N, C-alpha and C. Protein backbone atom coordinates (compact mmCIF):
# COMPACT_ATOMS: atom_id res chain seq x y z
N MET A 1 88.24 130.62 107.61
CA MET A 1 87.76 130.82 106.10
C MET A 1 86.41 130.70 105.80
N LEU A 2 85.48 131.63 105.38
CA LEU A 2 84.59 131.58 104.83
C LEU A 2 84.22 130.34 103.82
N GLU A 3 83.46 129.35 103.76
CA GLU A 3 83.36 128.42 102.91
C GLU A 3 82.72 129.04 101.41
N GLN A 4 83.26 128.35 100.54
CA GLN A 4 83.11 128.92 99.03
C GLN A 4 81.88 127.96 98.91
N TYR A 5 80.83 128.32 98.40
CA TYR A 5 79.41 127.58 98.36
C TYR A 5 79.35 127.68 96.44
N ILE A 6 78.91 126.56 95.97
CA ILE A 6 78.70 126.54 94.20
C ILE A 6 77.70 125.82 94.09
N THR A 7 77.08 126.45 93.05
CA THR A 7 76.41 125.26 91.87
C THR A 7 76.95 124.71 91.06
N ILE A 8 76.82 123.42 90.48
CA ILE A 8 77.65 122.66 89.51
C ILE A 8 76.60 122.39 88.58
N LEU A 9 76.10 122.52 87.29
CA LEU A 9 75.32 121.88 85.97
C LEU A 9 76.27 120.97 85.57
N THR A 10 75.77 119.91 85.26
CA THR A 10 75.80 118.61 84.17
C THR A 10 74.58 118.35 83.31
N THR A 11 74.81 118.21 82.36
CA THR A 11 73.32 117.40 81.44
C THR A 11 73.79 115.88 81.21
N THR A 12 72.92 115.13 81.01
CA THR A 12 72.90 113.52 81.01
C THR A 12 72.12 113.40 79.60
N PRO A 13 72.16 111.99 79.09
CA PRO A 13 71.48 111.69 77.91
C PRO A 13 70.35 111.09 78.69
N THR A 14 69.90 110.31 79.73
CA THR A 14 68.85 109.52 80.32
C THR A 14 68.92 110.13 81.65
N ARG A 15 67.60 109.95 82.28
CA ARG A 15 66.98 110.12 83.45
C ARG A 15 67.60 109.14 84.39
N LYS A 16 68.02 107.67 83.79
CA LYS A 16 69.23 106.57 84.48
C LYS A 16 70.39 106.92 84.75
N ILE A 17 71.29 107.90 84.26
CA ILE A 17 72.60 108.49 84.44
C ILE A 17 72.30 109.45 85.51
N ALA A 18 71.34 110.53 84.92
CA ALA A 18 71.38 111.28 86.06
C ALA A 18 70.96 110.80 87.54
N LYS A 19 70.32 109.86 87.82
CA LYS A 19 70.06 109.37 88.89
C LYS A 19 71.19 108.50 89.44
N LYS A 20 71.48 107.85 88.54
CA LYS A 20 73.27 107.16 89.41
C LYS A 20 74.41 108.66 89.86
N ILE A 21 74.24 109.41 89.04
CA ILE A 21 75.17 110.56 89.32
C ILE A 21 74.74 111.00 90.39
N THR A 22 73.47 111.55 90.59
CA THR A 22 72.73 111.90 92.08
C THR A 22 73.28 111.04 93.01
N ALA A 23 72.99 109.66 92.83
CA ALA A 23 73.22 108.78 94.13
C ALA A 23 74.78 108.72 94.41
N LEU A 24 75.60 108.95 93.42
CA LEU A 24 77.12 108.79 93.72
C LEU A 24 77.54 109.86 94.79
N LEU A 25 76.83 110.62 94.22
CA LEU A 25 77.44 112.34 94.73
C LEU A 25 76.86 112.22 96.18
N LEU A 26 75.19 112.33 96.37
CA LEU A 26 75.01 112.09 97.39
C LEU A 26 75.68 111.31 98.82
N GLY A 27 75.72 110.09 97.98
CA GLY A 27 76.22 108.78 99.16
C GLY A 27 77.83 109.31 99.34
N GLN A 28 78.70 110.11 98.47
CA GLN A 28 80.23 110.08 99.18
C GLN A 28 80.21 111.62 99.70
N LYS A 29 78.84 111.97 99.66
CA LYS A 29 78.67 113.18 100.56
C LYS A 29 79.54 114.52 100.26
N LEU A 30 79.29 114.49 98.74
CA LEU A 30 80.08 115.48 97.82
C LEU A 30 78.97 116.62 97.34
N ALA A 31 78.34 116.51 97.58
CA ALA A 31 76.57 117.15 97.43
C ALA A 31 75.50 117.18 98.43
N ALA A 32 75.13 118.18 98.95
CA ALA A 32 74.26 118.85 99.65
C ALA A 32 72.39 118.35 98.91
N CYS A 33 72.76 118.38 97.69
CA CYS A 33 71.24 118.08 97.02
C CYS A 33 71.47 118.46 95.56
N VAL A 34 71.17 117.23 94.67
CA VAL A 34 71.10 117.35 93.31
C VAL A 34 69.53 117.41 92.78
N GLN A 35 69.30 118.32 92.14
CA GLN A 35 68.14 118.53 91.23
C GLN A 35 67.84 118.21 89.89
N ILE A 36 67.00 117.25 89.43
CA ILE A 36 67.02 116.81 88.16
C ILE A 36 65.87 117.00 87.35
N ILE A 37 66.15 118.00 86.38
CA ILE A 37 65.30 118.39 85.81
C ILE A 37 65.17 117.95 84.28
N GLY A 38 64.24 117.72 83.56
CA GLY A 38 63.87 117.17 82.16
C GLY A 38 62.88 116.20 82.06
N PRO A 39 62.69 115.69 80.88
CA PRO A 39 63.66 116.19 79.62
C PRO A 39 63.53 117.26 79.30
N MET A 40 64.70 117.74 78.66
CA MET A 40 64.60 119.29 77.92
C MET A 40 65.63 119.16 76.82
N GLU A 41 65.33 119.76 75.83
CA GLU A 41 65.54 119.69 74.44
C GLU A 41 66.84 120.69 74.27
N SER A 42 68.17 120.30 73.99
CA SER A 42 69.25 120.74 74.08
C SER A 42 69.82 120.92 72.40
N HIS A 43 70.62 122.24 72.31
CA HIS A 43 70.61 122.35 70.64
C HIS A 43 72.37 122.89 70.83
N TYR A 44 73.26 122.23 70.39
CA TYR A 44 74.84 122.36 70.54
C TYR A 44 75.61 122.18 69.16
N ARG A 45 76.72 122.55 68.84
CA ARG A 45 77.65 122.22 68.13
C ARG A 45 78.41 121.61 68.60
N TRP A 46 79.06 120.16 67.69
CA TRP A 46 79.76 119.10 68.14
C TRP A 46 80.20 118.68 66.48
N GLN A 47 81.72 118.67 66.59
CA GLN A 47 82.11 118.44 65.63
C GLN A 47 81.90 118.84 64.16
N GLY A 48 81.77 120.22 64.28
CA GLY A 48 81.34 120.88 63.05
C GLY A 48 79.81 120.73 62.44
N LYS A 49 79.05 119.95 63.46
CA LYS A 49 77.52 119.97 63.05
C LYS A 49 76.85 120.40 64.21
N ILE A 50 75.49 121.28 63.79
CA ILE A 50 74.82 121.57 64.94
C ILE A 50 73.76 120.53 65.10
N LYS A 51 73.60 120.03 66.14
CA LYS A 51 72.91 118.86 66.92
C LYS A 51 71.81 119.08 67.46
N LYS A 52 70.83 118.29 67.91
CA LYS A 52 70.06 118.28 69.39
C LYS A 52 69.77 117.18 69.70
N ALA A 53 69.42 117.28 71.28
CA ALA A 53 69.45 115.93 72.01
C ALA A 53 68.29 116.17 73.11
N LYS A 54 67.57 115.15 73.42
CA LYS A 54 67.07 115.27 74.74
C LYS A 54 68.01 114.94 76.11
N GLU A 55 68.11 116.05 77.06
CA GLU A 55 68.73 115.50 78.10
C GLU A 55 67.96 116.00 79.71
N TRP A 56 68.93 115.65 80.12
CA TRP A 56 68.27 116.02 81.85
C TRP A 56 69.43 116.76 82.26
N LEU A 57 69.06 117.83 83.34
CA LEU A 57 70.00 118.90 84.11
C LEU A 57 69.89 118.32 85.35
N CYS A 58 71.44 117.88 85.88
CA CYS A 58 71.36 118.30 87.03
C CYS A 58 71.78 119.33 87.75
N ILE A 59 71.34 120.08 89.00
CA ILE A 59 71.84 120.88 89.55
C ILE A 59 72.10 120.42 90.84
N ILE A 60 73.39 120.84 91.00
CA ILE A 60 74.07 119.97 92.12
C ILE A 60 74.55 121.42 93.09
N LYS A 61 74.24 121.31 94.44
CA LYS A 61 74.99 122.19 95.40
C LYS A 61 75.56 121.55 96.05
N SER A 62 76.97 122.34 96.14
CA SER A 62 78.42 121.91 97.02
C SER A 62 78.90 122.95 97.18
N THR A 63 80.35 122.60 97.50
CA THR A 63 81.25 123.64 98.06
C THR A 63 82.27 124.06 97.05
N LYS A 64 83.40 124.15 96.89
CA LYS A 64 84.26 124.75 96.04
C LYS A 64 85.20 123.64 96.44
N ARG A 65 85.49 123.38 97.95
CA ARG A 65 86.38 121.96 98.18
C ARG A 65 86.26 120.91 97.71
N LYS A 66 84.67 120.46 97.38
CA LYS A 66 84.57 119.30 96.64
C LYS A 66 84.44 119.15 95.47
N LEU A 67 84.75 120.16 94.18
CA LEU A 67 84.51 120.70 93.17
C LEU A 67 85.38 119.50 92.48
N LYS A 68 86.87 119.17 92.83
CA LYS A 68 87.48 118.06 92.03
C LYS A 68 86.79 116.90 92.08
N ARG A 69 86.48 116.71 93.12
CA ARG A 69 86.02 114.84 93.35
C ARG A 69 84.83 114.83 92.49
N ILE A 70 83.68 116.19 92.44
CA ILE A 70 82.39 116.07 91.86
C ILE A 70 83.09 115.97 90.34
N GLU A 71 83.93 116.70 89.65
CA GLU A 71 83.79 116.49 88.33
C GLU A 71 84.58 114.81 88.28
N MET A 72 85.32 114.75 89.03
CA MET A 72 85.66 113.20 88.83
C MET A 72 84.81 112.29 88.92
N THR A 73 84.12 112.37 89.60
CA THR A 73 82.85 111.54 89.78
C THR A 73 81.66 111.51 88.60
N ILE A 74 81.69 112.44 88.10
CA ILE A 74 80.61 112.72 86.64
C ILE A 74 81.55 112.25 85.58
N LYS A 75 82.77 112.54 85.21
CA LYS A 75 83.48 111.98 84.47
C LYS A 75 83.47 110.35 84.25
N ALA A 76 83.67 109.86 85.37
CA ALA A 76 83.90 108.34 85.71
C ALA A 76 82.62 107.72 85.14
N ASN A 77 81.32 108.21 85.18
CA ASN A 77 80.08 107.65 85.11
C ASN A 77 79.57 108.19 83.99
N HIS A 78 79.68 109.34 83.24
CA HIS A 78 79.31 109.95 82.13
C HIS A 78 79.35 109.48 80.88
N PRO A 79 78.59 109.08 80.01
CA PRO A 79 78.96 108.46 78.78
C PRO A 79 79.44 109.72 77.29
N TYR A 80 79.26 110.61 78.10
CA TYR A 80 79.84 111.90 77.06
C TYR A 80 81.09 111.84 77.25
N TYR A 81 81.76 112.11 75.47
CA TYR A 81 83.50 112.02 75.67
C TYR A 81 83.49 113.79 76.41
N VAL A 82 82.78 114.88 76.16
CA VAL A 82 82.95 115.82 77.09
C VAL A 82 81.80 116.10 77.56
N PRO A 83 81.62 115.93 78.90
CA PRO A 83 80.43 116.22 79.63
C PRO A 83 80.50 117.67 80.02
N GLN A 84 79.10 118.05 79.92
CA GLN A 84 79.15 119.67 80.81
C GLN A 84 79.21 119.38 82.10
N ILE A 85 80.16 120.48 82.72
CA ILE A 85 80.67 120.41 84.12
C ILE A 85 80.92 121.79 84.15
N ILE A 86 80.10 122.39 85.07
CA ILE A 86 80.21 123.89 85.08
C ILE A 86 79.85 124.43 86.43
N ALA A 87 80.72 125.45 87.09
CA ALA A 87 80.71 125.48 88.34
C ALA A 87 80.12 126.85 88.50
N ILE A 88 79.23 127.32 89.71
CA ILE A 88 78.75 128.58 89.39
C ILE A 88 79.03 128.88 90.85
N PRO A 89 79.40 130.21 91.33
CA PRO A 89 79.82 130.62 92.68
C PRO A 89 78.26 131.02 93.18
N ILE A 90 77.97 130.68 94.43
CA ILE A 90 76.71 131.19 95.03
C ILE A 90 77.29 132.22 95.59
N LEU A 91 77.02 133.35 95.14
CA LEU A 91 77.30 134.85 95.82
C LEU A 91 76.87 135.22 97.37
N ALA A 92 75.54 134.77 97.16
CA ALA A 92 74.57 135.12 98.50
C ALA A 92 73.69 134.09 98.63
N GLY A 93 73.17 133.77 99.79
CA GLY A 93 71.73 133.04 99.97
C GLY A 93 71.84 132.96 101.67
N SER A 94 70.35 132.25 101.58
CA SER A 94 70.36 132.62 103.31
C SER A 94 70.90 131.66 104.08
N LYS A 95 71.46 132.08 105.32
CA LYS A 95 72.60 131.62 106.24
C LYS A 95 71.87 130.08 106.48
N GLU A 96 71.09 129.92 106.95
CA GLU A 96 70.35 128.64 106.84
C GLU A 96 70.32 127.50 105.85
N TYR A 97 70.24 128.23 104.58
CA TYR A 97 70.52 127.05 103.43
C TYR A 97 71.89 126.90 103.67
N LEU A 98 72.69 127.84 103.34
CA LEU A 98 74.17 128.00 103.13
C LEU A 98 74.86 126.79 104.16
N ASP A 99 74.43 127.30 105.64
CA ASP A 99 74.94 126.12 106.55
C ASP A 99 74.69 124.51 106.42
N TRP A 100 73.11 124.30 105.98
CA TRP A 100 73.21 123.51 105.81
C TRP A 100 73.84 122.47 104.59
N VAL A 101 73.73 123.17 103.49
CA VAL A 101 74.83 122.65 102.66
C VAL A 101 76.14 122.24 103.18
N GLY A 102 77.13 123.16 103.81
CA GLY A 102 78.08 123.12 104.19
C GLY A 102 78.32 121.97 105.36
N LYS A 103 76.91 121.58 106.00
CA LYS A 103 77.40 120.71 107.17
C LYS A 103 76.44 119.13 105.97
N ALA A 104 75.84 119.47 105.02
CA ALA A 104 75.34 118.27 104.72
C ALA A 104 76.81 117.24 103.97
N VAL A 105 77.67 118.16 103.18
CA VAL A 105 78.91 117.73 102.36
C VAL A 105 80.30 117.30 103.41
N THR A 106 80.03 117.61 104.86
CA THR A 106 80.88 117.27 105.77
C THR A 106 80.52 116.60 106.91
N ALA A 107 79.41 116.07 106.69
CA ALA A 107 78.71 115.20 107.64
C ALA A 107 79.26 113.86 107.88
N LYS A 108 79.78 113.41 108.98
CA LYS A 108 80.33 112.21 109.25
C LYS A 108 79.39 110.91 108.68
N SER A 109 78.27 111.01 108.98
CA SER A 109 77.47 110.03 108.43
C SER A 109 76.14 110.15 108.57
């Protein structure tokens, strides 16, 4: 079966939390790569009010097979009541890069 590669997006309120989640995902071989971008300004509706906040965006590369564990890891280490966890399928990419992603999340050590 062809591996289903995905990109997962999550945001955090601090760089420290973004780095903690990144370290956990990489350490558990749930992600091949996590890019942290920020700070950025997010505008959103929450509990009937429009709010804004400074956030850091984590762009996580992995496989669909790892998504449930990634979601659990993010939720267990995230301060938001409803953290953003969005998985986007990777429809195409270089064979070398996608092979690397697959190997990075299945490597023995």
